[in-house]
Every structure is written in structure tokens, then in C-alpha cells.
């Protein structure tokens, strides 16, 4: 379940073919959060791959969260990265990523002392 995730939240994506240690993370924003978990058929249709659908539903039905990549025409990929240019190559479709949704940014001192 995508509890606490809402449109507009920032997302950092670790891209399998572009290690974050070398190229940084891909920047995106949440644009939509499905109101209900997806069915197996919906997941299978999304991936067009039964094996992948089985993998993503093995621990329960997922909630589909849609993100839009932030663009940057100055990078080789055309997308915004946490580093200046990201990887020196374009991204291909179907690449594996791991997403981290940024649910808030607050200095630790503010958590202790407030404003």
C-alpha cells in the first residue's frame, strides 16, 4: 500500500544501469496514486509480462504510483539527476529502478526544537 504518498512528492530513482555512486539518482515527482491496489491482471497488463507480474504480486497486490521524470536538456539522458549530468548515455525503456519517495525535508534540529 502507498500510505502517505501523494501527488507532488519528490522521488529519487536509483537506476540499475547507472549506479547512484557514480552518476547520482534520477529526479521525479509523483503525479498519481491509485486509490486501490492493482489486480494481478492490471499488473500483468502494465508489464506485458506474466513472470514480472508474479514477481510484483508475490507479497500482495501493489498500489500503482505514477511518477514523471524531471527533464534537463543539458544531460545526455535528457533527465534531471542529483549530479550535474547523470550518466553519459541515454536511458532505455524497461530498465529496473528503485524509487525512494521523499515524504518531507526538515532539518534534524527543527525536529528537536521546533521552528
PDB file of N, CA and C in Angstrom:
ATOM      1  N   UNK A   1       0.841  -1.190   0.000  1.00  0.00           N
ATOM      2  CA  UNK A   1       0.000   0.000   0.000  1.00  0.00           C
ATOM      3  C   UNK A   1       0.879   1.243   0.000  1.00  0.00           C
ATOM      4  N   UNK A   2       0.422   2.288  -0.654  1.00  0.00           N
ATOM      5  CA  UNK A   2       1.204   3.509  -0.818  1.00  0.00           C
ATOM      6  C   UNK A   2       0.784   4.558   0.211  1.00  0.00           C
ATOM      7  N   UNK A   3       0.667   4.159   1.466  1.00  0.00           N
ATOM      8  CA  UNK A   3       0.248   5.064   2.526  1.00  0.00           C
ATOM      9  C   UNK A   3       1.202   6.246   2.638  1.00  0.00           C
ATOM     10  N   UNK A   4       0.647   7.442   2.690  1.00  0.00           N
ATOM     11  CA  UNK A   4       1.460   8.639   2.864  1.00  0.00           C
ATOM     12  C   UNK A   4       2.052   9.197   1.592  1.00  0.00           C
ATOM     13  N   UNK A   5       1.847   8.532   0.469  1.00  0.00           N
ATOM     14  CA  UNK A   5       2.369   9.030  -0.808  1.00  0.00           C
ATOM     15  C   UNK A   5       1.270   9.806  -1.506  1.00  0.00           C
ATOM     16  N   UNK A   6       1.611  10.998  -2.006  1.00  0.00           N
ATOM     17  CA  UNK A   6       0.621  11.856  -2.648  1.00  0.00           C
ATOM     18  C   UNK A   6       1.237  12.564  -3.853  1.00  0.00           C
ATOM     19  N   UNK A   7       0.391  12.948  -4.805  1.00  0.00           N
ATOM     20  CA  UNK A   7       0.893  13.711  -5.950  1.00  0.00           C
ATOM     21  C   UNK A   7       1.673  14.940  -5.491  1.00  0.00           C
ATOM     22  N   UNK A   8       2.737  15.226  -6.225  1.00  0.00           N
ATOM     23  CA  UNK A   8       3.585  16.374  -5.928  1.00  0.00           C
ATOM     24  C   UNK A   8       4.833  16.020  -5.135  1.00  0.00           C
ATOM     25  N   UNK A   9       4.836  14.859  -4.477  1.00  0.00           N
ATOM     26  CA  UNK A   9       6.009  14.472  -3.690  1.00  0.00           C
ATOM     27  C   UNK A   9       7.197  14.183  -4.604  1.00  0.00           C
ATOM     28  N   UNK A  10       8.376  14.509  -4.110  1.00  0.00           N
ATOM     29  CA  UNK A  10       9.609  14.241  -4.858  1.00  0.00           C
ATOM     30  C   UNK A  10       9.965  12.768  -4.756  1.00  0.00           C
ATOM     31  N   UNK A  11      10.588  12.271  -5.826  1.00  0.00           N
ATOM     32  CA  UNK A  11      11.013  10.877  -5.889  1.00  0.00           C
ATOM     33  C   UNK A  11      12.441  10.832  -6.411  1.00  0.00           C
ATOM     34  N   UNK A  12      13.288  10.044  -5.742  1.00  0.00           N
ATOM     35  CA  UNK A  12      14.638   9.772  -6.232  1.00  0.00           C
ATOM     36  C   UNK A  12      14.650   8.337  -6.736  1.00  0.00           C
ATOM     37  N   UNK A  13      15.165   8.141  -7.950  1.00  0.00           N
ATOM     38  CA  UNK A  13      15.186   6.819  -8.557  1.00  0.00           C
ATOM     39  C   UNK A  13      16.618   6.343  -8.755  1.00  0.00           C
ATOM     40  N   UNK A  14      16.941   5.206  -8.151  1.00  0.00           N
ATOM     41  CA  UNK A  14      18.224   4.558  -8.397  1.00  0.00           C
ATOM     42  C   UNK A  14      18.043   3.709  -9.641  1.00  0.00           C
ATOM     43  N   UNK A  15      18.825   3.994 -10.665  1.00  0.00           N
ATOM     44  CA  UNK A  15      18.699   3.321 -11.956  1.00  0.00           C
ATOM     45  C   UNK A  15      19.738   2.208 -12.040  1.00  0.00           C
ATOM     46  N   UNK A  16      19.276   0.980 -12.335  1.00  0.00           N
ATOM     47  CA  UNK A  16      20.155  -0.187 -12.348  1.00  0.00           C
ATOM     48  C   UNK A  16      21.352  -0.021 -13.296  1.00  0.00           C
ATOM     49  N   UNK A  17      21.140   0.570 -14.449  1.00  0.00           N
ATOM     50  CA  UNK A  17      22.230   0.698 -15.432  1.00  0.00           C
ATOM     51  C   UNK A  17      23.098   1.934 -15.213  1.00  0.00           C
ATOM     52  N   UNK A  18      22.769   2.735 -14.210  1.00  0.00           N
ATOM     53  CA  UNK A  18      23.532   3.952 -13.903  1.00  0.00           C
ATOM     54  C   UNK A  18      23.703   4.042 -12.389  1.00  0.00           C
ATOM     55  N   UNK A  19      24.677   3.338 -11.822  1.00  0.00           N
ATOM     56  CA  UNK A  19      24.842   3.299 -10.370  1.00  0.00           C
ATOM     57  C   UNK A  19      24.883   4.684  -9.723  1.00  0.00           C
ATOM     58  N   UNK A  20      24.107   4.844  -8.650  1.00  0.00           N
ATOM     59  CA  UNK A  20      23.994   6.133  -7.966  1.00  0.00           C
ATOM     60  C   UNK A  20      25.340   6.640  -7.470  1.00  0.00           C
ATOM     61  N   UNK A  21      26.223   5.742  -7.053  1.00  0.00           N
ATOM     62  CA  UNK A  21      27.538   6.159  -6.560  1.00  0.00           C
ATOM     63  C   UNK A  21      28.345   6.873  -7.638  1.00  0.00           C
ATOM     64  N   UNK A  22      28.114   6.510  -8.893  1.00  0.00           N
ATOM     65  CA  UNK A  22      28.848   7.123  -9.997  1.00  0.00           C
ATOM     66  C   UNK A  22      28.093   8.274 -10.662  1.00  0.00           C
ATOM     67  N   UNK A  23      26.765   8.126 -10.787  1.00  0.00           N
ATOM     68  CA  UNK A  23      26.002   9.084 -11.584  1.00  0.00           C
ATOM     69  C   UNK A  23      24.908   9.843 -10.845  1.00  0.00           C
ATOM     70  N   UNK A  24      24.668   9.509  -9.579  1.00  0.00           N
ATOM     71  CA  UNK A  24      23.597  10.154  -8.828  1.00  0.00           C
ATOM     72  C   UNK A  24      22.273   9.443  -9.053  1.00  0.00           C
ATOM     73  N   UNK A  25      21.198  10.073  -8.599  1.00  0.00           N
ATOM     74  CA  UNK A  25      19.860   9.498  -8.750  1.00  0.00           C
ATOM     75  C   UNK A  25      19.036  10.347  -9.709  1.00  0.00           C
ATOM     76  N   UNK A  26      18.124   9.693 -10.386  1.00  0.00           N
ATOM     77  CA  UNK A  26      17.207  10.345 -11.316  1.00  0.00           C
ATOM     78  C   UNK A  26      16.111  11.021 -10.504  1.00  0.00           C
ATOM     79  N   UNK A  27      15.754  12.248 -10.856  1.00  0.00           N
ATOM     80  CA  UNK A  27      14.750  13.011 -10.113  1.00  0.00           C
ATOM     81  C   UNK A  27      13.387  12.921 -10.790  1.00  0.00           C
ATOM     82  N   UNK A  28      12.352  12.769  -9.969  1.00  0.00           N
ATOM     83  CA  UNK A  28      10.981  12.667 -10.480  1.00  0.00           C
ATOM     84  C   UNK A  28      10.014  13.226  -9.448  1.00  0.00           C
ATOM     85  N   UNK A  29       8.734  13.267  -9.825  1.00  0.00           N
ATOM     86  CA  UNK A  29       7.667  13.684  -8.916  1.00  0.00           C
ATOM     87  C   UNK A  29       6.480  12.753  -9.091  1.00  0.00           C
ATOM     88  N   UNK A  30       5.805  12.476  -7.979  1.00  0.00           N
ATOM     89  CA  UNK A  30       4.585  11.658  -8.020  1.00  0.00           C
ATOM     90  C   UNK A  30       3.496  12.466  -8.715  1.00  0.00           C
ATOM     91  N   UNK A  31       2.841  11.844  -9.702  1.00  0.00           N
ATOM     92  CA  UNK A  31       1.732  12.518 -10.390  1.00  0.00           C
ATOM     93  C   UNK A  31       0.390  11.872 -10.080  1.00  0.00           C
ATOM     94  N   UNK A  32       0.413  10.588  -9.676  1.00  0.00           N
ATOM     95  CA  UNK A  32      -0.851   9.909  -9.383  1.00  0.00           C
ATOM     96  C   UNK A  32      -0.596   8.718  -8.467  1.00  0.00           C
ATOM     97  N   UNK A  33      -1.539   8.484  -7.575  1.00  0.00           N
ATOM     98  CA  UNK A  33      -1.516   7.310  -6.698  1.00  0.00           C
ATOM     99  C   UNK A  33      -2.874   6.626  -6.842  1.00  0.00           C
ATOM    100  N   UNK A  34      -2.843   5.378  -7.271  1.00  0.00           N
ATOM    101  CA  UNK A  34      -4.106   4.653  -7.449  1.00  0.00           C
ATOM    102  C   UNK A  34      -4.834   4.545  -6.108  1.00  0.00           C
ATOM    103  N   UNK A  35      -6.155   4.689  -6.112  1.00  0.00           N
ATOM    104  CA  UNK A  35      -6.912   4.643  -4.856  1.00  0.00           C
ATOM    105  C   UNK A  35      -7.009   3.244  -4.258  1.00  0.00           C
ATOM    106  N   UNK A  36      -6.791   2.202  -5.091  1.00  0.00           N
ATOM    107  CA  UNK A  36      -6.908   0.818  -4.628  1.00  0.00           C
ATOM    108  C   UNK A  36      -5.732   0.004  -5.170  1.00  0.00           C
ATOM    109  N   UNK A  37      -5.388  -1.077  -4.504  1.00  0.00           N
ATOM    110  CA  UNK A  37      -4.345  -1.960  -5.040  1.00  0.00           C
ATOM    111  C   UNK A  37      -4.738  -2.485  -6.423  1.00  0.00           C
ATOM    112  N   UNK A  38      -3.740  -2.714  -7.249  1.00  0.00           N
ATOM    113  CA  UNK A  38      -3.971  -3.239  -8.596  1.00  0.00           C
ATOM    114  C   UNK A  38      -4.259  -4.734  -8.534  1.00  0.00           C
ATOM    115  N   UNK A  39      -5.058  -5.214  -9.453  1.00  0.00           N
ATOM    116  CA  UNK A  39      -5.292  -6.653  -9.563  1.00  0.00           C
ATOM    117  C   UNK A  39      -4.102  -7.282 -10.276  1.00  0.00           C
ATOM    118  N   UNK A  40      -3.992  -8.600 -10.205  1.00  0.00           N
ATOM    119  CA  UNK A  40      -2.923  -9.287 -10.922  1.00  0.00           C
ATOM    120  C   UNK A  40      -2.999  -8.975 -12.416  1.00  0.00           C
ATOM    121  N   UNK A  41      -4.211  -8.986 -12.970  1.00  0.00           N
ATOM    122  CA  UNK A  41      -4.390  -8.711 -14.403  1.00  0.00           C
ATOM    123  C   UNK A  41      -3.907  -7.310 -14.766  1.00  0.00           C
ATOM    124  N   UNK A  42      -4.160  -6.335 -13.900  1.00  0.00           N
ATOM    125  CA  UNK A  42      -3.694  -4.960 -14.172  1.00  0.00           C
ATOM    126  C   UNK A  42      -2.172  -4.886 -14.158  1.00  0.00           C
ATOM    127  N   UNK A  43      -1.555  -5.577 -13.205  1.00  0.00           N
ATOM    128  CA  UNK A  43      -0.090  -5.586 -13.124  1.00  0.00           C
ATOM    129  C   UNK A  43       0.490  -6.299 -14.346  1.00  0.00           C
ATOM    130  N   UNK A  44      -0.106  -7.412 -14.710  1.00  0.00           N
ATOM    131  CA  UNK A  44       0.348  -8.159 -15.885  1.00  0.00           C
ATOM    132  C   UNK A  44       0.229  -7.303 -17.148  1.00  0.00           C
ATOM    133  N   UNK A  45      -0.878  -6.572 -17.275  1.00  0.00           N
ATOM    134  CA  UNK A  45      -1.078  -5.692 -18.424  1.00  0.00           C
ATOM    135  C   UNK A  45      -0.062  -4.548 -18.436  1.00  0.00           C
ATOM    136  N   UNK A  46       0.241  -4.022 -17.266  1.00  0.00           N
ATOM    137  CA  UNK A  46       1.201  -2.920 -17.158  1.00  0.00           C
ATOM    138  C   UNK A  46       2.580  -3.338 -17.659  1.00  0.00           C
ATOM    139  N   UNK A  47       3.020  -4.531 -17.264  1.00  0.00           N
ATOM    140  CA  UNK A  47       4.354  -5.008 -17.641  1.00  0.00           C
ATOM    141  C   UNK A  47       4.376  -5.800 -18.938  1.00  0.00           C
ATOM    142  N   UNK A  48       3.207  -6.265 -19.394  1.00  0.00           N
ATOM    143  CA  UNK A  48       3.138  -7.158 -20.555  1.00  0.00           C
ATOM    144  C   UNK A  48       4.045  -8.373 -20.353  1.00  0.00           C
ATOM    145  N   UNK A  49       4.075  -8.871 -19.105  1.00  0.00           N
ATOM    146  CA  UNK A  49       4.966  -9.973 -18.767  1.00  0.00           C
ATOM    147  C   UNK A  49       4.408 -10.692 -17.543  1.00  0.00           C
ATOM    148  N   UNK A  50       3.993 -11.929 -17.723  1.00  0.00           N
ATOM    149  CA  UNK A  50       3.387 -12.692 -16.637  1.00  0.00           C
ATOM    150  C   UNK A  50       4.382 -12.939 -15.505  1.00  0.00           C
ATOM    151  N   UNK A  51       5.622 -13.290 -15.829  1.00  0.00           N
ATOM    152  CA  UNK A  51       6.628 -13.572 -14.799  1.00  0.00           C
ATOM    153  C   UNK A  51       6.898 -12.335 -13.939  1.00  0.00           C
ATOM    154  N   UNK A  52       7.006 -11.184 -14.576  1.00  0.00           N
ATOM    155  CA  UNK A  52       7.227  -9.934 -13.836  1.00  0.00           C
ATOM    156  C   UNK A  52       6.020  -9.619 -12.964  1.00  0.00           C
ATOM    157  N   UNK A  53       4.831  -9.843 -13.478  1.00  0.00           N
ATOM    158  CA  UNK A  53       3.612  -9.614 -12.697  1.00  0.00           C
ATOM    159  C   UNK A  53       3.590 -10.518 -11.469  1.00  0.00           C
ATOM    160  N   UNK A  54       3.995 -11.781 -11.633  1.00  0.00           N
ATOM    161  CA  UNK A  54       4.059 -12.703 -10.491  1.00  0.00           C
ATOM    162  C   UNK A  54       5.057 -12.204  -9.448  1.00  0.00           C
ATOM    163  N   UNK A  55       6.181 -11.702  -9.922  1.00  0.00           N
ATOM    164  CA  UNK A  55       7.212 -11.181  -9.016  1.00  0.00           C
ATOM    165  C   UNK A  55       6.686  -9.989  -8.211  1.00  0.00           C
ATOM    166  N   UNK A  56       5.973  -9.082  -8.875  1.00  0.00           N
ATOM    167  CA  UNK A  56       5.490  -7.874  -8.206  1.00  0.00           C
ATOM    168  C   UNK A  56       4.246  -8.087  -7.354  1.00  0.00           C
ATOM    169  N   UNK A  57       3.608  -9.241  -7.493  1.00  0.00           N
ATOM    170  CA  UNK A  57       2.420  -9.509  -6.681  1.00  0.00           C
ATOM    171  C   UNK A  57       2.648 -10.643  -5.680  1.00  0.00           C
ATOM    172  N   UNK A  58       3.852 -11.155  -5.602  1.00  0.00           N
ATOM    173  CA  UNK A  58       4.164 -12.290  -4.728  1.00  0.00           C
ATOM    174  C   UNK A  58       3.872 -12.001  -3.254  1.00  0.00           C
ATOM    175  N   UNK A  59       4.047 -10.767  -2.827  1.00  0.00           N
ATOM    176  CA  UNK A  59       3.831 -10.405  -1.418  1.00  0.00           C
ATOM    177  C   UNK A  59       2.530  -9.633  -1.222  1.00  0.00           C
ATOM    178  N   UNK A  60       1.642  -9.695  -2.203  1.00  0.00           N
ATOM    179  CA  UNK A  60       0.378  -8.975  -2.123  1.00  0.00           C
ATOM    180  C   UNK A  60       0.214  -8.054  -3.317  1.00  0.00           C
ATOM    181  N   UNK A  61      -0.970  -7.540  -3.467  1.00  0.00           N
ATOM    182  CA  UNK A  61      -1.256  -6.666  -4.607  1.00  0.00           C
ATOM    183  C   UNK A  61      -0.692  -5.270  -4.360  1.00  0.00           C
ATOM    184  N   UNK A  62       0.066  -4.736  -5.324  1.00  0.00           N
ATOM    185  CA  UNK A  62       0.683  -3.418  -5.151  1.00  0.00           C
ATOM    186  C   UNK A  62      -0.262  -2.275  -5.519  1.00  0.00           C
ATOM    187  N   UNK A  63       0.044  -1.117  -4.991  1.00  0.00           N
ATOM    188  CA  UNK A  63      -0.642   0.109  -5.402  1.00  0.00           C
ATOM    189  C   UNK A  63       0.231   0.778  -6.455  1.00  0.00           C
ATOM    190  N   UNK A  64      -0.354   1.136  -7.569  1.00  0.00           N
ATOM    191  CA  UNK A  64       0.414   1.747  -8.657  1.00  0.00           C
ATOM    192  C   UNK A  64       0.582   3.239  -8.393  1.00  0.00           C
ATOM    193  N   UNK A  65       1.831   3.660  -8.370  1.00  0.00           N
ATOM    194  CA  UNK A  65       2.190   5.066  -8.180  1.00  0.00           C
ATOM    195  C   UNK A  65       2.850   5.524  -9.479  1.00  0.00           C
ATOM    196  N   UNK A  66       2.312   6.573 -10.086  1.00  0.00           N
ATOM    197  CA  UNK A  66       2.845   7.101 -11.336  1.00  0.00           C
ATOM    198  C   UNK A  66       3.733   8.306 -11.040  1.00  0.00           C
ATOM    199  N   UNK A  67       4.901   8.322 -11.671  1.00  0.00           N
ATOM    200  CA  UNK A  67       5.814   9.452 -11.499  1.00  0.00           C
ATOM    201  C   UNK A  67       6.195  10.021 -12.862  1.00  0.00           C
ATOM    202  N   UNK A  68       6.501  11.295 -12.887  1.00  0.00           N
ATOM    203  CA  UNK A  68       7.024  11.953 -14.088  1.00  0.00           C
ATOM    204  C   UNK A  68       8.471  12.321 -13.823  1.00  0.00           C
ATOM    205  N   UNK A  69       9.325  11.950 -14.748  1.00  0.00           N
ATOM    206  CA  UNK A  69      10.732  12.326 -14.634  1.00  0.00           C
ATOM    207  C   UNK A  69      10.878  13.817 -14.884  1.00  0.00           C
ATOM    208  N   UNK A  70      11.750  14.455 -14.131  1.00  0.00           N
ATOM    209  CA  UNK A  70      12.043  15.862 -14.376  1.00  0.00           C
ATOM    210  C   UNK A  70      13.047  15.924 -15.529  1.00  0.00           C
ATOM    211  N   UNK A  71      12.806  16.808 -16.472  1.00  0.00           N
ATOM    212  CA  UNK A  71      13.672  16.883 -17.649  1.00  0.00           C
ATOM    213  C   UNK A  71      14.791  17.892 -17.464  1.00  0.00           C
ATOM    214  N   UNK A  72      15.878  17.654 -18.176  1.00  0.00           N
ATOM    215  CA  UNK A  72      17.013  18.568 -18.229  1.00  0.00           C
ATOM    216  C   UNK A  72      17.699  18.352 -19.567  1.00  0.00           C
ATOM    217  N   UNK A  73      17.471  19.235 -20.540  1.00  0.00           N
ATOM    218  CA  UNK A  73      18.038  19.056 -21.882  1.00  0.00           C
ATOM    219  C   UNK A  73      19.567  19.109 -21.916  1.00  0.00           C
ATOM    220  N   UNK A  74      20.195  19.522 -20.813  1.00  0.00           N
ATOM    221  CA  UNK A  74      21.658  19.606 -20.783  1.00  0.00           C
ATOM    222  C   UNK A  74      22.329  18.272 -20.471  1.00  0.00           C
ATOM    223  N   UNK A  75      21.553  17.273 -20.029  1.00  0.00           N
ATOM    224  CA  UNK A  75      22.148  15.978 -19.697  1.00  0.00           C
ATOM    225  C   UNK A  75      22.018  15.024 -20.891  1.00  0.00           C
ATOM    226  N   UNK A  76      22.935  14.060 -21.022  1.00  0.00           N
ATOM    227  CA  UNK A  76      22.854  13.095 -22.133  1.00  0.00           C
ATOM    228  C   UNK A  76      21.551  12.293 -22.142  1.00  0.00           C
ATOM    229  N   UNK A  77      20.976  12.047 -20.963  1.00  0.00           N
ATOM    230  CA  UNK A  77      19.725  11.287 -20.900  1.00  0.00           C
ATOM    231  C   UNK A  77      18.504  12.161 -21.152  1.00  0.00           C
ATOM    232  N   UNK A  78      18.677  13.472 -20.985  1.00  0.00           N
ATOM    233  CA  UNK A  78      17.546  14.390 -21.122  1.00  0.00           C
ATOM    234  C   UNK A  78      16.750  14.563 -19.845  1.00  0.00           C
ATOM    235  N   UNK A  79      17.222  13.926 -18.759  1.00  0.00           N
ATOM    236  CA  UNK A  79      16.524  13.985 -17.480  1.00  0.00           C
ATOM    237  C   UNK A  79      17.386  14.624 -16.408  1.00  0.00           C
ATOM    238  N   UNK A  80      16.731  15.106 -15.348  1.00  0.00           N
ATOM    239  CA  UNK A  80      17.426  15.735 -14.236  1.00  0.00           C
ATOM    240  C   UNK A  80      17.948  14.666 -13.275  1.00  0.00           C
ATOM    241  N   UNK A  81      19.187  14.852 -12.839  1.00  0.00           N
ATOM    242  CA  UNK A  81      19.853  13.945 -11.909  1.00  0.00           C
ATOM    243  C   UNK A  81      20.326  14.721 -10.692  1.00  0.00           C
ATOM    244  N   UNK A  82      20.676  14.007  -9.639  1.00  0.00           N
ATOM    245  CA  UNK A  82      21.202  14.671  -8.445  1.00  0.00           C
ATOM    246  C   UNK A  82      22.625  15.176  -8.677  1.00  0.00           C
ATOM    247  N   UNK A  83      23.287  14.660  -9.705  1.00  0.00           N
ATOM    248  CA  UNK A  83      24.596  15.172 -10.107  1.00  0.00           C
ATOM    249  C   UNK A  83      24.386  16.096 -11.299  1.00  0.00           C
ATOM    250  N   UNK A  84      25.441  16.756 -11.718  1.00  0.00           N
ATOM    251  CA  UNK A  84      25.312  17.738 -12.798  1.00  0.00           C
ATOM    252  C   UNK A  84      24.822  17.145 -14.109  1.00  0.00           C
ATOM    253  N   UNK A  85      25.343  15.965 -14.498  1.00  0.00           N
ATOM    254  CA  UNK A  85      24.970  15.449 -15.809  1.00  0.00           C
ATOM    255  C   UNK A  85      24.425  14.031 -15.831  1.00  0.00           C
ATOM    256  N   UNK A  86      24.466  13.316 -14.706  1.00  0.00           N
ATOM    257  CA  UNK A  86      23.999  11.935 -14.720  1.00  0.00           C
ATOM    258  C   UNK A  86      24.900  11.071 -15.582  1.00  0.00           C
ATOM    259  N   UNK A  87      24.409   9.940 -16.080  1.00  0.00           N
ATOM    260  CA  UNK A  87      25.244   9.063 -16.891  1.00  0.00           C
ATOM    261  C   UNK A  87      25.494   9.650 -18.283  1.00  0.00           C
ATOM    262  N   UNK A  88      26.592   9.245 -18.915  1.00  0.00           N
ATOM    263  CA  UNK A  88      26.919   9.793 -20.242  1.00  0.00           C
ATOM    264  C   UNK A  88      26.219   9.059 -21.388  1.00  0.00           C
ATOM    265  N   UNK A  89      25.034   8.529 -21.130  1.00  0.00           N
ATOM    266  CA  UNK A  89      24.304   7.788 -22.154  1.00  0.00           C
ATOM    267  C   UNK A  89      22.801   7.960 -21.914  1.00  0.00           C
ATOM    268  N   UNK A  90      21.997   7.774 -22.964  1.00  0.00           N
ATOM    269  CA  UNK A  90      20.540   7.856 -22.785  1.00  0.00           C
ATOM    270  C   UNK A  90      20.016   6.615 -22.065  1.00  0.00           C
ATOM    271  N   UNK A  91      18.864   6.743 -21.430  1.00  0.00           N
ATOM    272  CA  UNK A  91      18.241   5.610 -20.758  1.00  0.00           C
ATOM    273  C   UNK A  91      17.370   4.856 -21.752  1.00  0.00           C
ATOM    274  N   UNK A  92      17.275   3.546 -21.557  1.00  0.00           N
ATOM    275  CA  UNK A  92      16.402   2.748 -22.415  1.00  0.00           C
ATOM    276  C   UNK A  92      15.158   2.342 -21.629  1.00  0.00           C
ATOM    277  N   UNK A  93      14.104   2.051 -22.313  1.00  0.00           N
ATOM    278  CA  UNK A  93      12.869   1.656 -21.626  1.00  0.00           C
ATOM    279  C   UNK A  93      13.030   0.266 -21.023  1.00  0.00           C
ATOM    280  N   UNK A  94      12.226  -0.032 -20.020  1.00  0.00           N
ATOM    281  CA  UNK A  94      12.247  -1.337 -19.389  1.00  0.00           C
ATOM    282  C   UNK A  94      13.363  -1.535 -18.384  1.00  0.00           C
ATOM    283  N   UNK A  95      14.041  -0.469 -18.038  1.00  0.00           N
ATOM    284  CA  UNK A  95      15.166  -0.569 -17.112  1.00  0.00           C
ATOM    285  C   UNK A  95      14.656  -0.649 -15.673  1.00  0.00           C
ATOM    286  N   UNK A  96      15.343  -1.394 -14.845  1.00  0.00           N
ATOM    287  CA  UNK A  96      14.923  -1.552 -13.450  1.00  0.00           C
ATOM    288  C   UNK A  96      15.373  -0.343 -12.625  1.00  0.00           C
ATOM    289  N   UNK A  97      14.462   0.149 -11.795  1.00  0.00           N
ATOM    290  CA  UNK A  97      14.769   1.266 -10.897  1.00  0.00           C
ATOM    291  C   UNK A  97      14.236   0.957  -9.507  1.00  0.00           C
ATOM    292  N   UNK A  98      14.820   1.603  -8.517  1.00  0.00           N
ATOM    293  CA  UNK A  98      14.311   1.522  -7.151  1.00  0.00           C
ATOM    294  C   UNK A  98      13.990   2.946  -6.731  1.00  0.00           C
ATOM    295  N   UNK A  99      12.746   3.171  -6.337  1.00  0.00           N
ATOM    296  CA  UNK A  99      12.280   4.516  -6.022  1.00  0.00           C
ATOM    297  C   UNK A  99      12.271   4.780  -4.523  1.00  0.00           C
ATOM    298  N   UNK A 100      12.644   5.995  -4.168  1.00  0.00           N
ATOM    299  CA  UNK A 100      12.521   6.483  -2.799  1.00  0.00           C
ATOM    300  C   UNK A 100      11.679   7.745  -2.847  1.00  0.00           C
ATOM    301  N   UNK A 101      10.521   7.720  -2.199  1.00  0.00           N
ATOM    302  CA  UNK A 101       9.643   8.893  -2.157  1.00  0.00           C
ATOM    303  C   UNK A 101      10.083   9.756  -0.986  1.00  0.00           C
ATOM    304  N   UNK A 102      10.329  11.037  -1.266  1.00  0.00           N
ATOM    305  CA  UNK A 102      10.752  11.979  -0.238  1.00  0.00           C
ATOM    306  C   UNK A 102       9.488  12.541   0.406  1.00  0.00           C
ATOM    307  N   UNK A 103       9.192  12.097   1.624  1.00  0.00           N
ATOM    308  CA  UNK A 103       7.943  12.490   2.270  1.00  0.00           C
ATOM    309  C   UNK A 103       8.055  13.780   3.053  1.00  0.00           C
ATOM    310  N   UNK A 104       9.239  14.300   3.179  1.00  0.00           N
ATOM    311  CA  UNK A 104       9.406  15.575   3.861  1.00  0.00           C
ATOM    312  C   UNK A 104      10.876  15.907   3.989  1.00  0.00           C
ATOM    313  N   UNK A 105      11.167  17.172   4.008  1.00  0.00           N
ATOM    314  CA  UNK A 105      12.548  17.602   4.205  1.00  0.00           C
ATOM    315  C   UNK A 105      12.547  18.620   5.327  1.00  0.00           C
ATOM    316  N   UNK A 106      13.170  18.230   6.413  1.00  0.00           N
ATOM    317  CA  UNK A 106      13.224  19.101   7.574  1.00  0.00           C
ATOM    318  C   UNK A 106      14.563  18.881   8.265  1.00  0.00           C
ATOM    319  N   UNK A 107      15.202  19.950   8.653  1.00  0.00           N
ATOM    320  CA  UNK A 107      16.477  19.841   9.349  1.00  0.00           C
ATOM    321  C   UNK A 107      16.276  19.122  10.677  1.00  0.00           C
ATOM    322  N   UNK A 108      17.172  18.183  11.036  1.00  0.00           N
ATOM    323  CA  UNK A 108      17.014  17.439  12.296  1.00  0.00           C
ATOM    324  C   UNK A 108      16.866  18.339  13.524  1.00  0.00           C
ATOM    325  N   UNK A 109      17.532  19.481  13.532  1.00  0.00           N
ATOM    326  CA  UNK A 109      17.458  20.397  14.679  1.00  0.00           C
ATOM    327  C   UNK A 109      16.024  20.902  14.864  1.00  0.00           C
ATOM    328  N   UNK A 110      15.281  21.064  13.772  1.00  0.00           N
ATOM    329  CA  UNK A 110      13.894  21.516  13.861  1.00  0.00           C
ATOM    330  C   UNK A 110      12.995  20.458  14.467  1.00  0.00           C
ATOM    331  N   UNK A 111      13.348  19.190  14.287  1.00  0.00           N
ATOM    332  CA  UNK A 111      12.565  18.124  14.894  1.00  0.00           C
ATOM    333  C   UNK A 111      12.711  18.148  16.410  1.00  0.00           C
ATOM    334  N   UNK A 112      13.870  18.572  16.875  1.00  0.00           N
ATOM    335  CA  UNK A 112      14.137  18.614  18.313  1.00  0.00           C
ATOM    336  C   UNK A 112      13.570  19.879  18.938  1.00  0.00           C
ATOM    337  N   UNK A 113      13.851  21.039  18.332  1.00  0.00           N
ATOM    338  CA  UNK A 113      13.482  22.320  18.925  1.00  0.00           C
ATOM    339  C   UNK A 113      12.298  23.010  18.270  1.00  0.00           C
ATOM    340  N   UNK A 114      11.737  22.444  17.226  1.00  0.00           N
ATOM    341  CA  UNK A 114      10.626  23.088  16.542  1.00  0.00           C
ATOM    342  C   UNK A 114      11.112  24.207  15.635  1.00  0.00           C
ATOM    343  N   UNK A 115      10.215  25.102  15.301  1.00  0.00           N
ATOM    344  CA  UNK A 115      10.528  26.197  14.385  1.00  0.00           C
ATOM    345  C   UNK A 115      11.881  26.759  14.684  1.00  0.00           C
TER     346      UNK A 115
END
